[in-house]
């Protein structure tokens, strides 16, 4: 009997992550999928830029052009509705901050757009729609229709979306609204949640620079590489580039260039541009052999006689042991980076399956008590709290206060990718990354005057591995399972204030006051930053039970992770 009581006490100590969600009026306003009867193939959905491009089939002989389309398929967030924008939009932004600002100002028709409705296409071939959440919050999208052998009318500085929708095709008529020509030369990318990111880190769902980048970059990304006259010379390009002797990955679509594999904790503020090749006749505003702050990112402008193109160039490094192939018994090495609560109960261990070596993180239980599995960039119980003390939920209402989260880190990644599988049995897992700026170092010796600031975040919480459990706005894509049953999850870090609806809202991340009165309790709380602060620490967490820090979860819930990758 004593043995079981002791085991139950140990089970209490699987502190991991964050609170479960609470429910109220929904703010979700995602446009997940849309299709029209007249489209040729699937539309190109640029989810980060809130832009969708349709290629329409050949115009029938009975028509001069497609002046309307019939909505065939529509998939929105639960309780959200779709509406046409009323009035003109002078300039459609490509960054999330600009899109949020526009959405707050834009007005829309009260009539909802639903499957079966006919929508008029303006002569500009561009219209705008708004997704309105249950709570009334808005998300604005641009729809562009490419009609074979029919050029859009241009000449006005604004694009109107005051097209009409109706339930009958008899209402078709040509609209006189005009807009700037859409960037139809951009190649298509898929926003399907089943899309698999390629190993180079430049998948079709890769977006451009983060919100902390200079505004000049996004403007160049959306328009500078397009030529309206098909007879003009090819736009200038960077053909190859190396930083500190490492060849960079070039994403021509997003005009981003990145080196991801420098030595851990390399000084990124003064890296040599060791090689660069540009297209014939082009020049650049940087010099090979000179050093630049590629950690923060450098805007490289490439110019020829006709035009200029701006690339965002960044560099960074990976966390040691990020492939989870190296173990010391049941601990990922190096243990200077990775930690777990295995000193109390083994809930994290090596997992080998086929060609994969990864970490299996599993929730356990005894006598109704729960211990979540966990793996994190943290030190468990550095103050040496005794087992009996840790087992008291009144003394330790939040198990996170037994951990010292975060490890020194100074890079600014754009994305985090990880291979994972999850069998939750009704539970929810957490996978997240936080970048911090600290005035001190370890939280275990944190002074009352020290301030920990959130610089960037990305968070995945779901009951199912296919991301169908809850809406996670930080998720770019989740692939189909590979031969080892592992999916590739890609998260985009949001610098500054987290995206609305991110699971971080329902976590203890911003709790700066300790819940425990025990003098050994550790304060891991953060305050919100602007995203411009230098990064000093990184917090990466994998947990099989999202509410494990409150000793809640489902026994047997299993999260397997492998091949963590930071993409810059």
Protein backbone atom coordinates (compact mmCIF):
# COMPACT_ATOMS: atom_id res chain seq x y z
CA UNK A 1 0.00 0.00 0.00
CA UNK A 2 2.81 2.40 0.88
CA UNK A 3 4.36 1.68 -2.51
CA UNK A 4 1.16 2.76 -4.32
CA UNK A 5 0.82 5.90 -2.23
CA UNK A 6 4.41 6.87 -3.02
CA UNK A 7 3.83 6.21 -6.73
CA UNK A 8 0.71 8.38 -6.65
CA UNK A 9 2.67 11.18 -5.03
CA UNK A 10 5.28 10.97 -7.76
CA UNK A 11 2.59 11.02 -10.44
CA UNK A 12 1.53 14.46 -9.32
CA UNK A 13 4.76 15.95 -10.57
CA UNK A 14 4.40 15.83 -14.36
CA UNK A 15 4.02 19.58 -14.66
CA UNK A 16 4.15 20.64 -18.27
CA UNK A 17 2.35 23.43 -19.92
CA UNK A 18 -0.78 25.49 -19.94
CA UNK A 19 -4.42 25.78 -19.00
CA UNK A 20 -7.22 24.30 -21.06
CA UNK A 21 -9.28 26.64 -23.20
CA UNK A 22 -12.30 28.42 -21.89
CA UNK A 23 -15.23 29.02 -24.21
CA UNK A 24 -17.16 32.19 -25.04
CA UNK A 25 -18.36 33.91 -28.20
CA UNK A 26 -16.06 32.76 -30.97
CA UNK A 27 -13.50 35.17 -32.49
CA UNK A 28 -12.44 32.67 -35.19
CA UNK A 29 -12.66 34.08 -38.71
CA UNK A 30 -10.57 31.85 -40.96
CA UNK A 31 -11.30 31.28 -44.64
CA UNK A 32 -10.21 27.66 -44.98
CA UNK A 33 -11.43 26.65 -48.42
CA UNK A 34 -13.32 28.17 -51.35
CA UNK A 35 -14.18 26.97 -54.86
CA UNK A 36 -16.22 28.27 -57.80
CA UNK A 37 -17.90 26.27 -60.55
CA UNK A 38 -15.94 28.02 -63.31
CA UNK A 39 -12.43 27.42 -61.94
CA UNK A 40 -9.76 25.44 -63.77
CA UNK A 41 -8.06 23.24 -61.18
CA UNK A 42 -7.71 24.35 -57.58
CA UNK A 43 -7.35 27.98 -56.49
CA UNK A 44 -3.99 29.22 -55.22
CA UNK A 45 -4.52 30.23 -51.59
CA UNK A 46 -1.90 32.53 -50.08
CA UNK A 47 -3.11 32.22 -46.51
CA UNK A 48 -0.48 34.50 -44.93
CA UNK A 49 -1.28 37.32 -47.38
CA UNK A 50 -5.08 36.75 -47.31
CA UNK A 51 -5.12 36.41 -51.09
CA UNK A 52 -6.73 33.77 -53.31
CA UNK A 53 -6.16 33.45 -57.04
CA UNK A 54 -8.52 31.56 -59.36
CA UNK A 55 -7.73 30.39 -62.89
CA UNK A 56 -11.01 30.17 -64.75
CA UNK A 57 -11.78 27.85 -67.67
CA UNK A 58 -12.01 29.11 -71.24
CA UNK A 59 -14.81 31.62 -71.81
CA UNK A 60 -17.70 29.93 -73.69
CA UNK A 61 -18.63 31.24 -77.14
CA UNK A 62 -21.86 32.65 -75.74
CA UNK A 63 -19.99 35.11 -73.51
CA UNK A 64 -17.41 37.82 -74.09
CA UNK A 65 -15.91 37.17 -70.67
CA UNK A 66 -16.68 35.58 -67.33
CA UNK A 67 -18.58 38.40 -65.63
CA UNK A 68 -19.69 36.24 -62.72
CA UNK A 69 -18.90 32.96 -60.98
CA UNK A 70 -21.00 30.57 -58.91
CA UNK A 71 -19.73 29.67 -55.46
CA UNK A 72 -19.57 25.89 -55.22
CA UNK A 73 -17.71 25.23 -51.97
CA UNK A 74 -17.05 27.32 -48.87
CA UNK A 75 -15.39 26.35 -45.60
CA UNK A 76 -15.17 28.99 -42.86
CA UNK A 77 -14.54 29.01 -39.14
CA UNK A 78 -17.46 27.78 -37.08
CA UNK A 79 -20.21 30.44 -36.77
CA UNK A 80 -18.35 32.83 -39.13
CA UNK A 81 -20.01 34.37 -42.22
CA UNK A 82 -18.68 35.68 -45.54
CA UNK A 83 -19.61 39.08 -47.01
CA UNK A 84 -18.60 41.34 -49.91
CA UNK A 85 -16.69 44.50 -49.07
CA UNK A 86 -18.56 47.74 -49.65
CA UNK A 87 -16.55 50.47 -51.35
CA UNK A 88 -13.00 50.69 -52.58
CA UNK A 89 -9.69 49.45 -51.19
CA UNK A 90 -6.84 51.70 -52.30
CA UNK A 91 -3.98 49.48 -51.21
CA UNK A 92 -4.18 45.86 -50.06
CA UNK A 93 -1.40 45.10 -47.52
CA UNK A 94 0.57 41.85 -47.40
CA UNK A 95 1.65 41.87 -43.75
CA UNK A 96 -0.55 40.71 -40.87
CA UNK A 97 -0.44 44.06 -39.04
CA UNK A 98 -1.67 45.89 -42.13
CA UNK A 99 -4.36 43.29 -42.77
CA UNK A 100 -5.62 43.56 -39.20
CA UNK A 101 -5.73 47.36 -39.46
CA UNK A 102 -7.62 47.23 -42.78
CA UNK A 103 -10.13 44.70 -41.41
CA UNK A 104 -11.06 47.05 -38.57
CA UNK A 105 -11.85 49.89 -41.00
CA UNK A 106 -13.55 48.05 -43.87
CA UNK A 107 -17.35 48.04 -44.33
CA UNK A 108 -19.25 45.12 -45.79
CA UNK A 109 -22.61 44.08 -47.21
CA UNK A 110 -25.11 42.62 -44.74
CA UNK A 111 -25.98 39.87 -47.22
CA UNK A 112 -24.01 36.68 -46.58
CA UNK A 113 -22.25 34.78 -49.36
CA UNK A 114 -23.10 31.09 -49.28
CA UNK A 115 -22.67 28.05 -51.52
CA UNK A 116 -24.83 28.34 -54.63
CA UNK A 117 -24.63 32.13 -54.79
CA UNK A 118 -23.49 33.92 -57.95
CA UNK A 119 -20.86 36.60 -57.50
CA UNK A 120 -20.22 39.35 -60.05
CA UNK A 121 -16.59 39.76 -61.19
CA UNK A 122 -15.52 43.41 -61.51
CA UNK A 123 -13.80 44.47 -64.72
CA UNK A 124 -10.60 44.64 -62.67
CA UNK A 125 -10.96 40.88 -62.02
CA UNK A 126 -10.32 41.64 -58.33
CA UNK A 127 -12.82 41.79 -55.50
CA UNK A 128 -12.64 41.78 -51.71
CA UNK A 129 -14.54 39.76 -49.14
CA UNK A 130 -14.72 39.79 -45.35
CA UNK A 131 -14.99 36.84 -42.98
CA UNK A 132 -16.93 37.96 -39.89
CA UNK A 133 -16.63 35.94 -36.68
CA UNK A 134 -19.48 35.19 -34.28
CA UNK A 135 -18.17 38.00 -32.07
CA UNK A 136 -18.11 40.49 -34.97
CA UNK A 137 -14.38 40.56 -35.63
CA UNK A 138 -13.32 40.73 -39.28
CA UNK A 139 -10.73 39.27 -41.62
CA UNK A 140 -10.42 40.71 -45.14
CA UNK A 141 -9.35 38.72 -48.24
CA UNK A 142 -8.53 39.58 -51.84
CA UNK A 143 -9.94 37.35 -54.61
CA UNK A 144 -8.32 37.54 -58.07
CA UNK A 145 -9.80 35.86 -61.15
CA UNK A 146 -7.53 35.05 -64.10
CA UNK A 147 -9.70 34.82 -67.22
CA UNK A 148 -8.09 33.24 -70.31
CA UNK A 149 -7.44 35.75 -73.11
CA UNK A 150 -9.18 38.56 -71.21
CA UNK A 151 -7.05 41.28 -69.62
CA UNK A 152 -8.37 43.08 -66.53
CA UNK A 153 -9.20 46.74 -66.93
CA UNK A 154 -6.78 49.01 -65.11
CA UNK A 155 -6.06 52.68 -64.73
CA UNK A 156 -7.63 53.46 -61.38
CA UNK A 157 -5.57 53.58 -58.24
CA UNK A 158 -8.22 51.78 -56.23
CA UNK A 159 -9.86 48.39 -56.52
CA UNK A 160 -13.56 48.11 -55.91
CA UNK A 161 -15.31 45.06 -54.59
CA UNK A 162 -18.85 46.37 -54.85
CA UNK A 163 -19.84 43.43 -57.01
CA UNK A 164 -23.29 41.97 -56.41
CA UNK A 165 -24.14 38.44 -55.34
CA UNK A 166 -27.38 36.67 -56.16
CA UNK A 167 -28.92 33.20 -56.15
CA UNK A 168 -29.47 33.17 -59.89
CA UNK A 169 -27.06 33.30 -62.80
CA UNK A 170 -29.53 35.61 -64.60
CA UNK A 171 -28.06 38.55 -62.68
CA UNK A 172 -24.78 38.38 -64.60
CA UNK A 173 -23.57 41.76 -65.86
CA UNK A 174 -20.26 43.43 -66.37
CA UNK A 175 -19.04 45.57 -63.47
CA UNK A 176 -17.41 48.92 -64.11
CA UNK A 177 -15.21 49.01 -61.05
CA UNK A 178 -11.47 49.17 -61.72
CA UNK A 179 -8.31 48.31 -59.87
CA UNK A 180 -4.59 47.94 -60.17
CA UNK A 181 -3.54 44.85 -62.04
CA UNK A 182 -3.18 41.86 -59.73
CA UNK A 183 0.19 40.15 -59.46
CA UNK A 184 -0.78 37.18 -61.58
CA UNK A 185 2.85 36.34 -62.29
CA UNK A 186 3.32 35.01 -58.78
CA UNK A 187 3.46 31.21 -58.81
CA UNK A 188 0.82 29.29 -56.95
CA UNK A 189 1.14 27.81 -53.52
CA UNK A 190 -1.16 25.51 -51.54
CA UNK A 191 -2.48 26.36 -48.08
CA UNK A 192 -3.93 22.89 -47.45
CA UNK A 193 -3.36 21.69 -43.91
CA UNK A 194 -2.14 18.42 -45.39
CA UNK A 195 0.70 20.05 -47.33
CA UNK A 196 4.14 18.72 -46.38
CA UNK A 197 6.97 21.23 -45.94
CA UNK A 198 10.07 20.29 -47.89
CA UNK A 199 13.32 19.47 -46.11
CA UNK A 200 15.03 22.65 -47.26
CA UNK A 201 12.58 24.76 -45.30
CA UNK A 202 11.26 26.55 -48.38
CA UNK A 203 7.87 24.87 -48.73
CA UNK A 204 5.01 26.26 -50.72
CA UNK A 205 3.48 27.67 -47.57
CA UNK A 206 6.58 29.64 -46.60
CA UNK A 207 5.76 33.29 -46.04
CA UNK A 208 7.87 36.41 -46.26
CA UNK A 209 9.57 38.24 -43.43
CA UNK A 210 8.12 38.56 -39.92
CA UNK A 211 6.22 41.56 -38.63
CA UNK A 212 9.48 42.88 -37.22
CA UNK A 213 10.98 43.30 -40.70
CA UNK A 214 11.18 46.72 -42.33
CA UNK A 215 8.07 47.74 -44.32
CA UNK A 216 10.15 48.15 -47.48
CA UNK A 217 10.50 44.39 -47.73
CA UNK A 218 6.80 43.55 -48.00
CA UNK A 219 6.24 46.16 -50.67
CA UNK A 220 9.01 44.70 -52.77
CA UNK A 221 7.72 41.19 -52.26
CA UNK A 222 4.27 41.97 -53.61
CA UNK A 223 5.12 43.99 -56.68
CA UNK A 224 8.74 44.75 -57.47
CA UNK A 225 9.46 41.55 -59.40
CA UNK A 226 6.46 41.85 -61.74
CA UNK A 227 6.79 43.28 -65.20
CA UNK A 228 3.60 44.55 -66.88
CA UNK A 229 5.24 44.57 -70.30
CA UNK A 230 6.05 40.99 -71.35
CA UNK A 231 8.73 42.37 -73.66
CA UNK A 232 10.83 43.94 -70.90
CA UNK A 233 13.99 42.37 -69.48
CA UNK A 234 13.86 39.74 -66.78
CA UNK A 235 13.67 41.07 -63.23
CA UNK A 236 16.99 41.15 -61.36
CA UNK A 237 17.63 38.13 -59.13
CA UNK A 238 20.01 36.79 -56.56
CA UNK A 239 21.09 33.45 -58.03
CA UNK A 240 23.17 32.23 -55.08
CA UNK A 241 24.40 33.56 -51.76
CA UNK A 242 26.58 32.34 -48.88
CA UNK A 243 26.89 33.65 -45.34
CA UNK A 244 29.94 32.76 -43.23
CA UNK A 245 30.78 30.04 -45.74
CA UNK A 246 27.30 28.46 -45.62
CA UNK A 247 25.22 28.37 -48.79
CA UNK A 248 21.78 29.93 -48.33
CA UNK A 249 18.34 28.68 -49.32
CA UNK A 250 16.63 31.09 -51.74
CA UNK A 251 12.82 31.30 -51.79
CA UNK A 252 12.10 33.28 -54.93
CA UNK A 253 8.35 33.50 -54.28
CA UNK A 254 8.63 35.22 -50.91
CA UNK A 255 11.94 36.93 -51.77
CA UNK A 256 13.50 35.46 -48.65
CA UNK A 257 17.00 34.01 -48.33
CA UNK A 258 18.11 32.14 -45.23
CA UNK A 259 20.97 30.14 -43.71
CA UNK A 260 19.68 27.88 -40.93
CA UNK A 261 22.67 25.81 -39.81
CA UNK A 262 25.40 28.00 -38.40
CA UNK A 263 27.16 26.83 -35.23
CA UNK A 264 25.02 27.12 -32.12
CA UNK A 265 25.14 30.57 -30.54
CA UNK A 266 27.24 32.07 -33.33
CA UNK A 267 27.36 35.86 -33.10
CA UNK A 268 24.82 36.71 -35.79
CA UNK A 269 25.33 40.46 -35.61
CA UNK A 270 28.55 40.49 -37.66
CA UNK A 271 28.52 37.73 -40.27
CA UNK A 272 30.49 37.89 -43.50
CA UNK A 273 28.70 37.85 -46.81
CA UNK A 274 31.10 35.30 -48.23
CA UNK A 275 29.67 34.89 -51.75
CA UNK A 276 26.85 36.20 -53.92
CA UNK A 277 25.88 35.81 -57.58
CA UNK A 278 23.26 38.04 -59.20
CA UNK A 279 21.63 37.93 -62.62
CA UNK A 280 23.40 39.49 -65.59
CA UNK A 281 23.48 43.28 -65.51
CA UNK A 282 22.32 43.51 -61.88
CA UNK A 283 24.03 45.18 -58.91
CA UNK A 284 23.34 44.93 -55.16
CA UNK A 285 23.53 47.25 -52.16
CA UNK A 286 25.78 44.82 -50.22
CA UNK A 287 29.41 43.84 -50.79
CA UNK A 288 30.94 40.37 -50.70
CA UNK A 289 33.56 40.22 -47.96
CA UNK A 290 31.77 42.75 -45.73
CA UNK A 291 30.00 41.82 -42.46
CA UNK A 292 26.33 42.46 -41.69
CA UNK A 293 23.76 41.77 -38.95
CA UNK A 294 22.10 38.79 -40.62
CA UNK A 295 20.55 37.77 -37.29
CA UNK A 296 18.14 40.70 -37.40
CA UNK A 297 17.91 40.42 -41.18
CA UNK A 298 19.30 42.51 -44.03
CA UNK A 299 17.24 43.95 -46.87
CA UNK A 300 19.32 43.31 -50.00
CA UNK A 301 18.28 45.42 -52.98
CA UNK A 302 19.17 44.06 -56.42
CA UNK A 303 18.86 46.52 -59.32
CA UNK A 304 19.20 46.47 -63.09
CA UNK A 305 18.41 49.18 -65.67
CA UNK A 306 14.66 48.62 -65.47
CA UNK A 307 13.72 47.76 -61.89
CA UNK A 308 14.72 46.70 -58.39
CA UNK A 309 13.90 43.69 -56.22
CA UNK A 310 14.39 43.48 -52.46
CA UNK A 311 15.25 40.22 -50.70
CA UNK A 312 15.11 39.64 -46.94
CA UNK A 313 18.32 37.81 -45.93
CA UNK A 314 18.64 36.16 -42.49
CA UNK A 315 20.80 33.61 -40.74
CA UNK A 316 20.55 31.50 -37.61
CA UNK A 317 21.27 28.18 -36.00
CA UNK A 318 19.63 25.04 -34.62
CA UNK A 319 19.30 23.83 -31.05
CA UNK A 320 21.80 21.08 -30.12
CA UNK A 321 20.19 17.63 -30.07
CA UNK A 322 17.33 18.85 -32.26
CA UNK A 323 17.05 15.51 -34.08
CA UNK A 324 16.53 13.63 -30.77
CA UNK A 325 18.91 10.88 -31.92
CA UNK A 326 21.34 11.11 -28.99
CA UNK A 327 20.27 9.73 -25.59
CA UNK A 328 21.69 9.00 -22.17
CA UNK A 329 19.34 6.28 -20.92
CA UNK A 330 15.94 8.05 -21.04
CA UNK A 331 17.26 11.59 -21.38
CA UNK A 332 17.84 13.51 -24.61
CA UNK A 333 21.36 14.88 -24.83
CA UNK A 334 22.78 17.38 -24.43
CA UNK A 335 20.96 17.73 -21.11
CA UNK A 336 22.27 21.29 -20.90
CA UNK A 337 19.51 22.10 -23.42
CA UNK A 338 16.81 19.45 -22.97
CA UNK A 339 15.08 18.44 -19.74
CA UNK A 340 12.12 16.44 -18.43
CA UNK A 341 10.68 15.17 -15.14
CA UNK A 342 12.12 11.65 -15.45
CA UNK A 343 13.87 11.97 -12.10
CA UNK A 344 10.42 11.50 -10.57
CA UNK A 345 8.70 9.19 -13.05
CA UNK A 346 9.81 8.07 -16.51
CA UNK A 347 7.29 9.65 -18.87
CA UNK A 348 9.77 10.51 -21.65
CA UNK A 349 11.94 7.93 -23.36
CA UNK A 350 13.70 7.04 -26.60
CA UNK A 351 11.44 5.86 -29.43
CA UNK A 352 12.75 3.85 -32.38
CA UNK A 353 10.48 3.01 -35.29
CA UNK A 354 11.69 2.08 -38.77
CA UNK A 355 14.23 4.72 -39.80
CA UNK A 356 13.20 7.08 -37.02
CA UNK A 357 14.79 7.79 -33.63
CA UNK A 358 12.75 10.26 -31.63
CA UNK A 359 11.26 11.05 -28.22
CA UNK A 360 8.11 9.36 -26.90
CA UNK A 361 6.30 11.54 -24.38
CA UNK A 362 3.50 9.76 -22.54
CA UNK A 363 0.98 10.65 -19.83
CA UNK A 364 0.83 8.22 -16.91
CA UNK A 365 -1.52 7.74 -13.95
CA UNK A 366 -1.93 5.90 -10.66
CA UNK A 367 -4.82 6.13 -8.20
CA UNK A 368 -6.49 8.75 -10.47
CA UNK A 369 -3.45 11.04 -10.33
CA UNK A 370 -1.93 12.28 -13.60
CA UNK A 371 1.65 12.87 -14.69
CA UNK A 372 1.98 14.39 -18.16
CA UNK A 373 4.94 13.45 -20.31
CA UNK A 374 7.14 16.38 -21.24
CA UNK A 375 10.29 17.46 -23.01
CA UNK A 376 11.44 21.05 -22.82
CA UNK A 377 14.28 23.56 -22.85
CA UNK A 378 14.08 23.81 -19.07
CA UNK A 379 15.56 22.47 -15.83
CA UNK A 380 13.20 20.41 -13.66
CA UNK A 381 13.24 21.12 -9.92
CA UNK A 382 16.58 22.98 -9.77
CA UNK A 383 15.81 24.06 -6.19
CA UNK A 384 15.64 20.45 -5.01
CA UNK A 385 12.08 20.48 -3.64
CA UNK A 386 11.31 17.24 -1.79
CA UNK A 387 8.94 14.63 -3.21
CA UNK A 388 6.35 14.96 -0.43
CA UNK A 389 6.26 18.72 -0.82
CA UNK A 390 5.84 18.48 -4.62
CA UNK A 391 2.92 16.09 -4.14
CA UNK A 392 0.85 18.74 -2.34
CA UNK A 393 -1.48 20.45 -4.83
CA UNK A 394 -2.23 23.14 -2.26
CA UNK A 395 1.48 23.96 -2.00
CA UNK A 396 2.08 23.64 -5.76
CA UNK A 397 -1.17 24.51 -7.61
CA UNK A 398 0.83 25.07 -10.81
CA UNK A 399 3.59 22.55 -11.44
CA UNK A 400 5.32 24.94 -13.86
CA UNK A 401 6.65 26.78 -10.82
CA UNK A 402 8.92 23.76 -10.19
CA UNK A 403 10.70 24.38 -13.53
CA UNK A 404 13.22 26.94 -14.74
CA UNK A 405 12.13 27.48 -18.37
CA UNK A 406 14.32 28.80 -21.18
CA UNK A 407 17.89 28.49 -22.45
CA UNK A 408 20.25 31.18 -23.79
CA UNK A 409 19.57 31.86 -27.47
CA UNK A 410 19.95 34.94 -29.67
CA UNK A 411 18.51 34.13 -33.13
CA UNK A 412 15.22 35.20 -34.73
CA UNK A 413 13.67 32.28 -36.64
CA UNK A 414 10.63 32.77 -38.86
CA UNK A 415 9.28 29.21 -38.56
CA UNK A 416 9.58 26.11 -36.42
CA UNK A 417 9.05 22.66 -37.91
CA UNK A 418 8.86 19.35 -36.09
CA UNK A 419 7.82 15.83 -37.00
CA UNK A 420 5.23 14.44 -34.60
CA UNK A 421 2.43 11.98 -33.99
CA UNK A 422 -0.22 12.16 -31.30
CA UNK A 423 -2.70 9.67 -29.86
CA UNK A 424 -4.55 11.72 -27.30
CA UNK A 425 -7.41 9.43 -26.28
CA UNK A 426 -9.46 12.62 -25.81
CA UNK A 427 -6.61 14.63 -24.27
CA UNK A 428 -4.82 17.61 -25.89
CA UNK A 429 -1.10 18.00 -26.56
CA UNK A 430 0.96 21.18 -26.55
CA UNK A 431 3.84 22.04 -28.89
CA UNK A 432 5.12 25.59 -28.66
CA UNK A 433 8.07 27.96 -28.96
CA UNK A 434 8.58 31.27 -27.15
CA UNK A 435 11.43 33.73 -27.72
CA UNK A 436 12.27 35.95 -24.77
CA UNK A 437 14.28 39.00 -23.86
CA UNK A 438 15.54 38.84 -20.27
CA UNK A 439 17.35 41.33 -18.09
CA UNK A 440 18.62 38.36 -16.05
CA UNK A 441 19.68 34.83 -16.95
CA UNK A 442 18.11 31.89 -15.13
CA UNK A 443 14.66 32.26 -13.59
CA UNK A 444 15.79 30.25 -10.59
CA UNK A 445 17.81 33.25 -9.38
CA UNK A 446 15.54 35.90 -10.86
CA UNK A 447 15.60 39.23 -9.04
CA UNK A 448 12.49 41.24 -8.30
CA UNK A 449 13.77 43.91 -10.70
CA UNK A 450 14.36 41.46 -13.57
CA UNK A 451 11.92 41.58 -16.47
CA UNK A 452 11.25 38.72 -18.91
CA UNK A 453 9.64 39.96 -22.13
CA UNK A 454 7.87 37.91 -24.80
CA UNK A 455 9.45 38.72 -28.18
CA UNK A 456 7.79 36.05 -30.38
CA UNK A 457 5.61 32.97 -30.07
CA UNK A 458 4.01 30.10 -31.97
CA UNK A 459 1.73 27.50 -30.35
CA UNK A 460 0.00 24.29 -31.40
CA UNK A 461 -2.63 22.68 -29.18
CA UNK A 462 -4.86 19.92 -30.48
CA UNK A 463 -6.68 16.75 -29.57
CA UNK A 464 -5.77 15.29 -32.96
CA UNK A 465 -2.56 15.16 -34.95
CA UNK A 466 -4.25 16.44 -38.13
CA UNK A 467 -5.00 19.81 -36.45
CA UNK A 468 -8.76 19.22 -36.54
CA UNK A 469 -9.17 19.56 -32.77
CA UNK A 470 -9.05 23.33 -32.37
CA UNK A 471 -8.14 26.30 -34.54
CA UNK A 472 -4.47 27.19 -34.20
CA UNK A 473 -3.70 30.46 -36.01
CA UNK A 474 0.07 29.93 -35.71
CA UNK A 475 -0.09 26.73 -37.79
CA UNK A 476 1.03 27.07 -41.41
CA UNK A 477 0.65 23.41 -42.37
CA UNK A 478 0.37 19.85 -41.09
CA UNK A 479 1.43 17.15 -43.54
CA UNK A 480 0.05 13.69 -44.08
CA UNK A 481 1.82 10.91 -42.12
CA UNK A 482 5.11 9.64 -43.55
CA UNK A 483 6.30 6.02 -43.63
CA UNK A 484 6.91 6.18 -39.88
CA UNK A 485 3.49 7.64 -39.13
CA UNK A 486 4.96 11.08 -38.44
CA UNK A 487 3.43 14.34 -39.67
CA UNK A 488 5.43 17.53 -40.25
CA UNK A 489 4.04 20.50 -38.34
CA UNK A 490 5.09 23.99 -39.40
CA UNK A 491 4.46 26.94 -37.07
CA UNK A 492 5.06 30.59 -37.98
CA UNK A 493 6.44 32.70 -35.16
CA UNK A 494 4.49 35.88 -34.50
CA UNK A 495 6.79 38.68 -33.33
CA UNK A 496 5.11 41.06 -30.92
CA UNK A 497 1.58 40.45 -29.70
CA UNK A 498 0.43 36.84 -30.39
CA UNK A 499 -2.21 36.17 -33.00
CA UNK A 500 -5.75 36.33 -31.71
CA UNK A 501 -6.98 32.87 -30.82
CA UNK A 502 -3.51 31.46 -30.16
CA UNK A 503 -3.51 28.94 -27.27
CA UNK A 504 -1.06 31.20 -25.46
CA UNK A 505 -4.13 33.25 -24.46
CA UNK A 506 -5.27 30.38 -22.23
CA UNK A 507 -1.92 29.62 -20.67
CA UNK A 508 0.04 30.70 -17.63
CA UNK A 509 2.67 32.39 -19.83
CA UNK A 510 1.79 35.88 -18.65
CA UNK A 511 1.32 35.00 -14.97
CA UNK A 512 3.97 37.13 -13.27
CA UNK A 513 2.68 36.44 -9.76
CA UNK A 514 3.46 33.07 -8.21
CA UNK A 515 0.58 30.81 -7.21
CA UNK A 516 2.73 28.94 -4.70
CA UNK A 517 3.88 30.58 -1.47
CA UNK A 518 6.80 28.16 -1.21
CA UNK A 519 10.10 30.04 -1.30
CA UNK A 520 11.43 27.54 -3.87
CA UNK A 521 8.78 28.49 -6.45
CA UNK A 522 10.20 29.78 -9.74
CA UNK A 523 8.70 32.75 -11.60
CA UNK A 524 8.64 32.05 -15.36
CA UNK A 525 6.10 34.79 -16.19
CA UNK A 526 6.52 37.07 -19.20
CA UNK A 527 5.29 40.53 -20.10
CA UNK A 528 4.24 41.36 -23.65
CA UNK A 529 6.88 42.91 -25.89
CA UNK A 530 6.81 44.71 -29.22
CA UNK A 531 8.75 42.05 -31.12
CA UNK A 532 11.65 44.44 -31.72
CA UNK A 533 13.57 43.43 -28.58
CA UNK A 534 16.80 41.41 -28.91
CA UNK A 535 16.27 37.70 -28.26
CA UNK A 536 18.19 36.33 -25.27
CA UNK A 537 16.40 33.01 -24.48
CA UNK A 538 14.29 30.31 -26.10
CA UNK A 539 11.53 28.18 -24.60
CA UNK A 540 10.46 25.05 -26.53
CA UNK A 541 7.92 22.70 -24.93
CA UNK A 542 6.42 19.35 -25.93
CA UNK A 543 3.72 17.94 -23.61
CA UNK A 544 1.40 14.97 -24.00
CA UNK A 545 -1.24 16.62 -21.76
CA UNK A 546 -1.80 20.35 -22.22
CA UNK A 547 -3.16 20.75 -18.69
CA UNK A 548 -0.42 18.65 -17.15
CA UNK A 549 0.86 21.47 -14.97
CA UNK A 550 -2.44 21.21 -13.11
CA UNK A 551 -2.13 17.40 -12.89
CA UNK A 552 -4.94 16.87 -15.40
CA UNK A 553 -4.91 14.70 -18.51
CA UNK A 554 -5.65 11.25 -19.89
CA UNK A 555 -3.47 8.30 -19.01
CA UNK A 556 -1.86 6.82 -22.11
CA UNK A 557 -1.98 10.02 -24.19
CA UNK A 558 1.19 9.75 -26.30
CA UNK A 559 3.10 12.44 -28.18
CA UNK A 560 6.11 11.41 -30.31
CA UNK A 561 8.45 14.09 -31.68
CA UNK A 562 11.45 14.05 -33.99
CA UNK A 563 13.60 16.36 -36.10
CA UNK A 564 12.94 19.82 -34.72
CA UNK A 565 14.01 22.50 -37.20
CA UNK A 566 14.20 26.30 -36.99
CA UNK A 567 13.83 28.13 -40.30
CA UNK A 568 15.05 31.69 -40.73
